[in-house]
Protein backbone atom coordinates (compact mmCIF):
# COMPACT_ATOMS: atom_id res chain seq x y z
CA MET A 1 -107.38 -43.13 -141.43
CA ASN A 2 -107.33 -46.71 -140.08
CA ALA A 3 -110.48 -48.74 -140.64
CA ALA A 4 -112.39 -49.66 -137.58
CA ALA A 5 -111.49 -53.02 -136.17
CA PRO A 6 -113.90 -55.70 -137.12
CA ARG A 7 -116.55 -56.79 -134.55
CA LEU A 8 -115.94 -60.46 -134.01
CA LEU A 9 -116.59 -62.93 -131.23
CA VAL A 10 -118.93 -60.56 -129.48
CA ASP A 11 -120.62 -61.88 -126.39
CA PRO A 12 -123.49 -59.35 -125.55
CA TYR A 13 -124.24 -61.09 -122.21
CA LEU A 14 -120.56 -60.81 -120.98
CA ASP A 15 -120.53 -57.18 -122.17
CA TRP A 16 -123.70 -56.49 -120.19
CA THR A 17 -122.28 -58.10 -117.01
CA ALA A 18 -119.11 -55.96 -117.35
CA GLY A 19 -121.28 -52.90 -117.57
CA GLU A 20 -123.26 -53.69 -114.38
CA GLY A 21 -120.06 -53.05 -112.31
CA LEU A 22 -120.47 -56.19 -110.09
CA PRO A 23 -117.73 -58.70 -109.11
CA ILE A 24 -117.44 -61.65 -111.59
CA HIS A 25 -116.32 -64.92 -110.03
CA GLU A 26 -114.87 -67.53 -112.35
CA ASP A 27 -113.59 -71.02 -111.26
CA PHE A 28 -114.48 -74.61 -111.34
CA GLY A 29 -116.50 -73.95 -108.13
CA VAL A 30 -117.33 -71.00 -106.00
CA ASP A 31 -118.38 -70.62 -102.38
CA LEU A 32 -121.46 -68.48 -102.57
CA LEU A 33 -121.60 -67.80 -98.88
CA THR A 34 -118.35 -65.95 -98.93
CA ALA A 35 -118.01 -64.64 -102.50
CA GLY A 36 -117.67 -60.87 -102.71
CA THR A 37 -120.54 -58.64 -103.79
CA ALA A 38 -121.01 -55.00 -104.66
CA PRO A 39 -123.93 -52.63 -104.70
CA TRP A 40 -126.42 -53.36 -107.51
CA PRO A 41 -128.93 -50.54 -108.12
CA ARG A 42 -130.87 -52.67 -110.53
CA LEU A 43 -131.75 -55.04 -107.69
CA GLY A 44 -132.59 -52.23 -105.27
CA GLU A 45 -131.52 -49.82 -102.64
CA ARG A 46 -128.74 -51.19 -100.52
CA CYS A 47 -128.96 -54.50 -102.31
CA ARG A 48 -125.75 -56.24 -103.57
CA GLY A 49 -124.87 -58.78 -106.18
CA ALA A 50 -122.19 -60.67 -108.20
CA PHE A 51 -122.07 -62.73 -111.32
CA ILE A 52 -120.94 -66.38 -111.12
CA HIS A 53 -119.24 -67.52 -114.38
CA LEU A 54 -118.15 -71.20 -113.77
CA ARG A 55 -115.93 -72.93 -116.16
CA GLY A 56 -118.55 -75.40 -117.09
CA ARG A 57 -121.41 -72.86 -117.41
CA GLY A 58 -121.87 -73.60 -121.06
CA ASP A 59 -123.83 -71.24 -123.45
CA TRP A 60 -127.43 -71.37 -122.09
CA MET A 61 -127.67 -70.20 -118.53
CA THR A 62 -125.94 -68.16 -115.80
CA VAL A 63 -126.04 -67.54 -112.10
CA PHE A 64 -126.56 -64.19 -110.21
CA LEU A 65 -125.60 -64.01 -106.49
CA LEU A 66 -128.01 -61.70 -104.67
CA GLU A 67 -127.66 -60.16 -101.28
CA LEU A 68 -130.44 -58.25 -99.46
CA PRO A 69 -129.49 -56.15 -96.41
CA PRO A 70 -131.21 -56.63 -93.00
CA GLY A 71 -134.77 -55.47 -93.23
CA GLY A 72 -134.21 -54.75 -96.94
CA GLN A 73 -136.20 -55.55 -100.05
CA SER A 74 -135.56 -55.80 -103.76
CA ALA A 75 -137.02 -53.23 -106.16
CA PRO A 76 -139.88 -54.76 -108.15
CA GLN A 77 -138.46 -57.12 -110.78
CA GLN A 78 -140.02 -58.10 -114.09
CA HIS A 79 -138.18 -59.92 -116.93
CA LEU A 80 -138.44 -62.25 -119.91
CA PHE A 81 -136.02 -64.86 -118.60
CA ASP A 82 -136.83 -67.81 -116.45
CA GLU A 83 -135.30 -67.79 -113.03
CA LEU A 84 -134.92 -70.30 -110.13
CA PHE A 85 -133.93 -69.04 -106.73
CA TYR A 86 -132.01 -71.19 -104.23
CA VAL A 87 -131.87 -69.64 -100.81
CA LEU A 88 -128.25 -69.91 -99.42
CA SER A 89 -128.86 -68.07 -96.12
CA GLY A 90 -131.44 -66.10 -94.16
CA SER A 91 -135.13 -66.03 -94.39
CA GLY A 92 -137.65 -63.75 -95.98
CA SER A 93 -140.68 -63.70 -98.39
CA THR A 94 -141.61 -63.13 -101.92
CA VAL A 95 -144.67 -61.32 -103.29
CA ILE A 96 -145.73 -62.08 -106.89
CA GLU A 97 -148.24 -59.98 -108.84
CA LEU A 98 -150.16 -61.85 -111.53
CA PRO A 99 -151.00 -60.09 -114.79
CA GLY A 100 -154.76 -60.46 -114.06
CA GLY A 101 -154.49 -58.68 -110.78
CA GLY A 102 -154.04 -61.51 -108.42
CA ARG A 103 -151.06 -61.95 -106.07
CA HIS A 104 -149.31 -64.71 -104.20
CA ALA A 105 -147.02 -64.35 -101.19
CA PHE A 106 -144.94 -66.99 -99.47
CA GLU A 107 -142.20 -67.15 -96.88
CA TRP A 108 -138.95 -68.98 -97.43
CA GLY A 109 -135.76 -69.88 -95.51
CA PRO A 110 -132.35 -71.61 -96.03
CA ARG A 111 -132.49 -74.35 -98.79
CA SER A 112 -135.81 -73.09 -100.22
CA LEU A 113 -136.27 -73.25 -103.95
CA PHE A 114 -138.77 -71.06 -105.76
CA ALA A 115 -139.48 -69.74 -109.33
CA PRO A 116 -141.57 -66.70 -110.19
CA PRO A 117 -143.54 -67.26 -113.22
CA LEU A 118 -142.19 -65.88 -116.46
CA ASN A 119 -142.48 -62.05 -116.63
CA CYS A 120 -144.59 -61.73 -113.52
CA ARG A 121 -143.65 -58.79 -111.36
CA TYR A 122 -142.19 -59.81 -108.00
CA ARG A 123 -140.30 -58.41 -104.94
CA ILE A 124 -138.08 -60.21 -102.41
CA PHE A 125 -138.04 -59.22 -98.65
CA ASN A 126 -135.57 -59.99 -95.92
CA ALA A 127 -137.34 -60.96 -92.82
CA SER A 128 -134.33 -60.34 -90.51
CA GLY A 129 -133.60 -56.95 -89.17
CA THR A 130 -129.96 -57.93 -88.23
CA GLU A 131 -128.66 -60.35 -90.88
CA PRO A 132 -128.43 -60.17 -94.71
CA VAL A 133 -129.86 -62.88 -96.92
CA ARG A 134 -128.17 -64.49 -99.94
CA LEU A 135 -129.92 -66.15 -102.82
CA ALA A 136 -128.51 -67.73 -106.01
CA SER A 137 -130.51 -67.06 -109.12
CA SER A 138 -130.13 -69.62 -111.86
CA ASN A 139 -131.54 -68.13 -115.09
CA ASN A 140 -131.49 -68.23 -118.90
CA MET A 141 -130.73 -64.62 -119.44
CA ARG A 142 -127.38 -65.53 -121.11
CA ILE A 143 -128.85 -67.21 -124.17
CA LEU A 144 -131.62 -64.70 -124.63
CA MET A 145 -129.24 -61.76 -124.36
CA ASN A 146 -126.88 -63.32 -126.83
CA VAL A 147 -129.76 -63.91 -129.26
CA LEU A 148 -131.45 -60.57 -128.95
CA HIS A 149 -128.31 -58.31 -128.39
CA ASN A 150 -130.36 -55.96 -126.24
CA ALA A 151 -130.98 -56.08 -122.49
CA ASP A 152 -133.67 -53.39 -122.39
CA VAL A 153 -136.20 -55.68 -124.13
CA LEU A 154 -135.82 -58.34 -121.45
CA PHE A 155 -136.89 -56.05 -118.62
CA ASP A 156 -140.43 -54.58 -117.80
CA HIS A 157 -141.96 -56.03 -120.99
CA PRO A 158 -145.74 -55.90 -120.91
CA PHE A 159 -146.49 -59.41 -122.53
CA ALA A 160 -148.21 -61.83 -120.03
CA PHE A 161 -147.81 -65.66 -119.92
CA PRO A 162 -150.91 -66.73 -117.85
CA GLU A 163 -150.14 -70.47 -118.67
CA ARG A 164 -146.91 -70.18 -116.60
CA GLU A 165 -148.71 -69.19 -113.30
CA GLY A 166 -149.56 -72.70 -111.97
CA LEU A 167 -152.14 -73.72 -109.41
CA PRO A 168 -152.62 -71.62 -106.22
CA GLY A 169 -151.28 -74.41 -104.12
CA TYR A 170 -147.93 -74.29 -105.94
CA TYR A 171 -147.09 -71.11 -104.06
CA SER A 172 -147.55 -72.80 -100.64
CA GLY A 173 -145.31 -75.83 -101.33
CA GLU A 174 -147.98 -78.07 -102.77
CA GLY A 175 -147.30 -79.76 -106.02
CA GLU A 176 -148.15 -82.62 -108.39
CA MET A 177 -146.17 -85.91 -108.83
CA THR A 178 -145.66 -87.64 -112.20
CA ALA A 179 -144.12 -91.03 -111.64
CA ILE A 180 -142.20 -92.13 -114.69
CA ARG A 181 -139.29 -94.39 -113.51
CA PRO A 182 -136.28 -94.04 -111.26
CA GLY A 183 -134.47 -90.82 -111.96
CA ARG A 184 -137.39 -89.54 -113.88
CA ASN A 185 -140.02 -88.93 -111.21
CA LEU A 186 -141.24 -85.36 -111.69
CA TRP A 187 -142.61 -82.96 -109.02
CA GLU A 188 -144.34 -79.91 -110.46
CA THR A 189 -144.58 -76.71 -108.34
CA ASN A 190 -143.49 -73.15 -107.98
CA PHE A 191 -142.05 -73.29 -104.43
CA VAL A 192 -140.26 -76.00 -102.32
CA PRO A 193 -139.92 -74.74 -98.72
CA ASP A 194 -136.88 -76.99 -97.81
CA LEU A 195 -134.90 -79.05 -100.33
CA GLY A 196 -133.06 -80.57 -97.42
CA SER A 197 -136.14 -82.42 -96.11
CA PHE A 198 -137.97 -83.11 -99.45
CA ALA A 199 -138.71 -86.88 -99.85
CA LEU A 200 -136.78 -88.39 -102.61
CA LYS A 201 -137.34 -91.57 -104.61
CA PRO A 202 -134.80 -94.40 -104.96
CA TRP A 203 -132.38 -94.37 -107.99
CA GLU A 204 -130.09 -97.31 -107.23
CA ALA A 205 -128.63 -97.27 -110.71
CA ARG A 206 -126.65 -94.15 -109.94
CA GLY A 207 -124.96 -95.52 -106.82
CA VAL A 208 -125.35 -97.40 -103.58
CA GLY A 209 -128.59 -96.16 -101.86
CA SER A 210 -128.84 -93.17 -104.27
CA SER A 211 -132.06 -91.26 -104.41
CA ASN A 212 -133.44 -88.41 -106.53
CA ILE A 213 -136.43 -86.31 -107.60
CA GLN A 214 -136.83 -84.05 -110.66
CA PHE A 215 -138.51 -80.56 -110.47
CA LEU A 216 -140.53 -78.58 -112.96
CA MET A 217 -140.88 -75.00 -111.61
CA SER A 218 -143.45 -72.51 -112.88
CA GLU A 219 -143.67 -74.48 -116.27
CA GLY A 220 -140.31 -73.00 -117.18
CA SER A 221 -137.35 -73.74 -119.47
CA MET A 222 -135.11 -74.40 -116.44
CA GLY A 223 -134.94 -77.92 -114.88
CA ALA A 224 -133.74 -79.03 -111.53
CA HIS A 225 -133.06 -82.24 -109.66
CA VAL A 226 -132.20 -83.19 -106.11
CA SER A 227 -130.01 -86.18 -105.41
CA GLU A 228 -128.75 -87.73 -102.35
CA MET A 229 -125.94 -90.13 -101.22
CA PRO A 230 -126.24 -92.18 -97.93
CA VAL A 231 -123.49 -91.89 -95.29
CA GLY A 232 -120.40 -93.90 -96.20
CA THR A 233 -121.15 -93.98 -99.92
CA TYR A 234 -120.41 -92.20 -103.11
CA LYS A 235 -122.05 -92.04 -106.61
CA LYS A 236 -120.89 -93.52 -109.90
CA GLY A 237 -118.84 -91.37 -112.26
CA HIS A 238 -120.63 -89.99 -115.33
CA ARG A 239 -120.60 -87.11 -117.87
CA HIS A 240 -122.96 -84.82 -119.79
CA GLY A 241 -122.96 -81.54 -121.62
CA ALA A 242 -122.04 -78.28 -119.95
CA GLY A 243 -124.26 -75.92 -118.00
CA LEU A 244 -125.62 -78.02 -115.17
CA HIS A 245 -124.93 -75.97 -112.01
CA VAL A 246 -124.77 -77.99 -108.80
CA PHE A 247 -125.56 -76.40 -105.41
CA PHE A 248 -124.80 -78.47 -102.24
CA ILE A 249 -127.61 -78.65 -99.68
CA HIS A 250 -126.35 -80.75 -96.73
CA GLY A 251 -123.37 -83.02 -95.96
CA THR A 252 -119.73 -82.47 -96.88
CA GLY A 253 -117.48 -84.23 -99.37
CA TYR A 254 -115.83 -83.61 -102.74
CA THR A 255 -116.09 -84.07 -106.43
CA LEU A 256 -113.46 -85.42 -108.83
CA LEU A 257 -113.41 -84.23 -112.34
CA TRP A 258 -111.39 -85.58 -115.28
CA ASN A 259 -111.31 -85.74 -119.08
CA GLU A 260 -110.88 -89.11 -120.65
CA GLY A 261 -107.16 -89.91 -120.76
CA ASP A 262 -106.24 -87.36 -118.09
CA PRO A 263 -103.52 -88.71 -115.71
CA ASP A 264 -104.76 -86.73 -112.75
CA PHE A 265 -108.05 -85.49 -111.29
CA GLN A 266 -109.50 -81.98 -110.76
CA ARG A 267 -111.00 -81.71 -107.34
CA VAL A 268 -113.77 -79.56 -105.80
CA ASP A 269 -114.32 -79.72 -102.11
CA TRP A 270 -117.90 -78.85 -101.07
CA ARG A 271 -120.52 -78.06 -98.37
CA HIS A 272 -123.69 -76.07 -98.35
CA GLY A 273 -123.02 -72.82 -100.26
CA MET A 274 -120.75 -74.32 -102.77
CA CYS A 275 -121.66 -74.22 -106.49
CA PHE A 276 -119.90 -75.82 -109.39
CA ALA A 277 -120.59 -76.85 -112.99
CA PRO A 278 -118.88 -79.73 -114.68
CA PRO A 279 -117.41 -78.74 -118.05
CA ASP A 280 -118.77 -80.24 -121.32
CA ASN A 281 -118.53 -83.99 -121.33
CA MET A 282 -115.92 -83.99 -118.45
CA PHE A 283 -116.39 -87.11 -116.17
CA HIS A 284 -117.18 -86.26 -112.61
CA GLN A 285 -117.97 -88.22 -109.53
CA HIS A 286 -119.41 -87.08 -106.14
CA PHE A 287 -118.26 -88.49 -102.76
CA ASP A 288 -119.89 -88.11 -99.30
CA THR A 289 -117.25 -88.11 -96.48
CA SER A 290 -119.55 -86.73 -93.68
CA ALA A 291 -121.54 -88.36 -90.93
CA GLN A 292 -124.75 -87.45 -92.77
CA PRO A 293 -126.23 -87.99 -96.16
CA ALA A 294 -124.93 -85.63 -98.86
CA ARG A 295 -127.49 -83.90 -100.86
CA TYR A 296 -127.44 -81.46 -103.80
CA VAL A 297 -129.64 -79.72 -106.30
CA ALA A 298 -128.62 -79.48 -109.94
CA ILE A 299 -130.02 -76.73 -112.12
CA GLY A 300 -129.74 -76.44 -115.89
CA PHE A 301 -131.40 -75.17 -119.08
CA GLY A 302 -134.05 -77.64 -120.23
CA SER A 303 -136.31 -79.83 -118.09
CA LYS A 304 -137.89 -83.22 -118.27
CA ARG A 305 -141.08 -81.69 -119.78
CA TYR A 306 -139.28 -79.22 -122.14
CA PRO A 307 -135.78 -80.66 -122.89
CA ILE A 308 -135.14 -77.83 -125.43
CA ILE A 309 -131.50 -78.71 -126.06
CA TRP A 310 -130.35 -81.82 -127.65
CA ASP A 311 -128.09 -82.96 -124.76
CA ARG A 312 -131.04 -82.85 -122.39
CA ARG A 313 -133.19 -84.87 -124.81
CA VAL A 314 -130.71 -87.61 -125.51
CA GLY A 315 -129.62 -87.65 -121.89
CA SER A 316 -133.25 -88.60 -121.00
CA GLU A 317 -133.96 -91.09 -123.74
CA GLY A 318 -130.66 -92.13 -125.26
CA LYS A 319 -127.23 -91.59 -123.74
CA ARG A 320 -128.51 -91.89 -120.20
CA THR A 321 -126.45 -90.98 -117.08
CA ASP A 322 -127.60 -94.14 -115.36
CA VAL A 323 -126.44 -96.58 -118.19
CA SER A 324 -122.87 -97.80 -118.52
CA ILE A 325 -120.73 -96.35 -121.23
CA LYS A 326 -120.04 -99.98 -122.26
CA GLU A 327 -123.83 -100.11 -123.06
CA GLY A 328 -124.07 -96.81 -124.97
CA GLY A 329 -124.75 -94.68 -121.83
CA ALA A 330 -122.68 -92.04 -119.97
CA GLN A 331 -121.85 -93.78 -116.66
CA ILE A 332 -118.80 -95.50 -115.30
CA GLU A 333 -119.70 -98.60 -113.20
CA TYR A 334 -117.94 -99.15 -109.92
CA PRO A 335 -115.87 -102.07 -111.22
CA ASP A 336 -114.72 -100.09 -114.23
CA GLN A 337 -113.61 -96.89 -112.38
CA ASP A 338 -109.93 -95.96 -111.84
CA PRO A 339 -108.95 -97.88 -108.75
CA ARG A 340 -107.24 -94.79 -107.32
CA ILE A 341 -110.71 -93.25 -106.82
CA HIS A 342 -111.77 -95.71 -104.18
CA ALA A 343 -108.43 -95.65 -102.32
CA LEU A 344 -108.54 -91.84 -102.13
CA TRP A 345 -112.11 -91.89 -100.72
CA LEU A 346 -111.14 -94.47 -98.06
CA ALA A 347 -108.29 -92.13 -97.02
CA GLU A 348 -110.73 -89.16 -96.76
CA LEU A 349 -113.17 -91.24 -94.62
CA HIS A 350 -110.32 -92.12 -92.33
CA LYS A 351 -109.87 -88.42 -91.61
CA THR A 352 -113.55 -87.91 -90.78
CA GLY A 353 -114.02 -91.24 -88.89
CA VAL A 354 -116.85 -92.39 -91.11
CA GLU A 355 -117.23 -96.10 -91.88
CA SER A 356 -117.41 -97.11 -95.45
CA GLN A 357 -120.64 -98.85 -96.64
CA MET A 358 -119.09 -99.86 -100.01
CA GLY A 359 -117.33 -102.90 -98.86
CA ALA A 360 -119.62 -105.40 -100.46
CA ILE A 361 -118.79 -103.97 -103.83
CA PHE A 362 -115.15 -103.37 -103.47
CA ASP A 363 -113.82 -106.18 -101.25
CA GLU A 364 -112.83 -108.18 -104.43
CA LEU A 365 -111.55 -105.23 -106.38
CA GLN A 366 -107.84 -104.21 -106.45
CA VAL A 367 -107.24 -100.98 -104.65
CA VAL A 368 -104.11 -99.04 -105.41
CA PRO A 369 -102.02 -98.18 -102.27
CA MET A 370 -102.24 -94.46 -101.21
CA ALA A 371 -98.46 -94.08 -101.87
CA ASP A 372 -99.12 -94.64 -105.58
CA LEU A 373 -101.84 -92.10 -105.87
CA HIS A 374 -101.41 -89.00 -108.08
CA ARG A 375 -103.82 -86.20 -107.13
CA GLY A 376 -104.71 -83.15 -109.19
């Protein structure tokens, strides 16, 4: 009799997702508005879902794609992993039951962001009788599942975390600002009604006219930030660890990705609904080609209050993404970038009829002719 094969390189989270019977989408980026879903009994009757496993997802977090039918609602959910919901399409409401017997209810629409407090019971409702709603759940189930090797303990556990509940106003869109410095201004809340209109703070070090705000939601382990590029501009290239999932809010454009020494670029085109995650320490750079500012929200494991992982801590205090790599940071300044990058962007602007606002920076820099470009 042959000995049983050794159990090596086991990933309990991936085993669990395979057992749920949902589509699993894997790529550099995925359009969450068109990605296929399948019935998900765990979520509720007639509800559907999918798993989004991006190449740069890392070890700490994952994304669920959720779809509720017209007039539908989720089954009651309760779990020991933090979760941030970004509303992709549709409108509805969420009801949260607190361990002490209280409850909060709030209404949301496209581009809302909300986070139920850890292990609080909640339900999601679709307000439309004719259209489904889609939401993206960014959560840290992956690392917890791979540590505990058991999914059952994560759901319907009785332990309460009252310190995660937050102030009552946090469920109606109110919050508290902690002003630190550009790129580190922190808004604390549980619900943001519209990320597309939320006021940002200047962060010029990341690019011409760049602005940003950091979020701490429900005192959780997941962090988020929203950044924007003005019309006719793009951000500076930079790199960081894996796991930061980027969801585009408004505007259109693209992102280039490359590893140090690569002859060509990878490219992800985006608009609202697209999600991608840059792989570990892969340089990437965001470009607005539309006639409106381009805005996105990036969600990852660890926050400005609770960095948790080493990469998030040194990214805040050491190898910062707004400091040149020549000075020990993680950013490529405009004069140091590959000259093909600017030429490619000018060609893309020509297609959309948008005028560049980068001339003052690049007039004196050499730009490679389009005929010499190599595109990945």
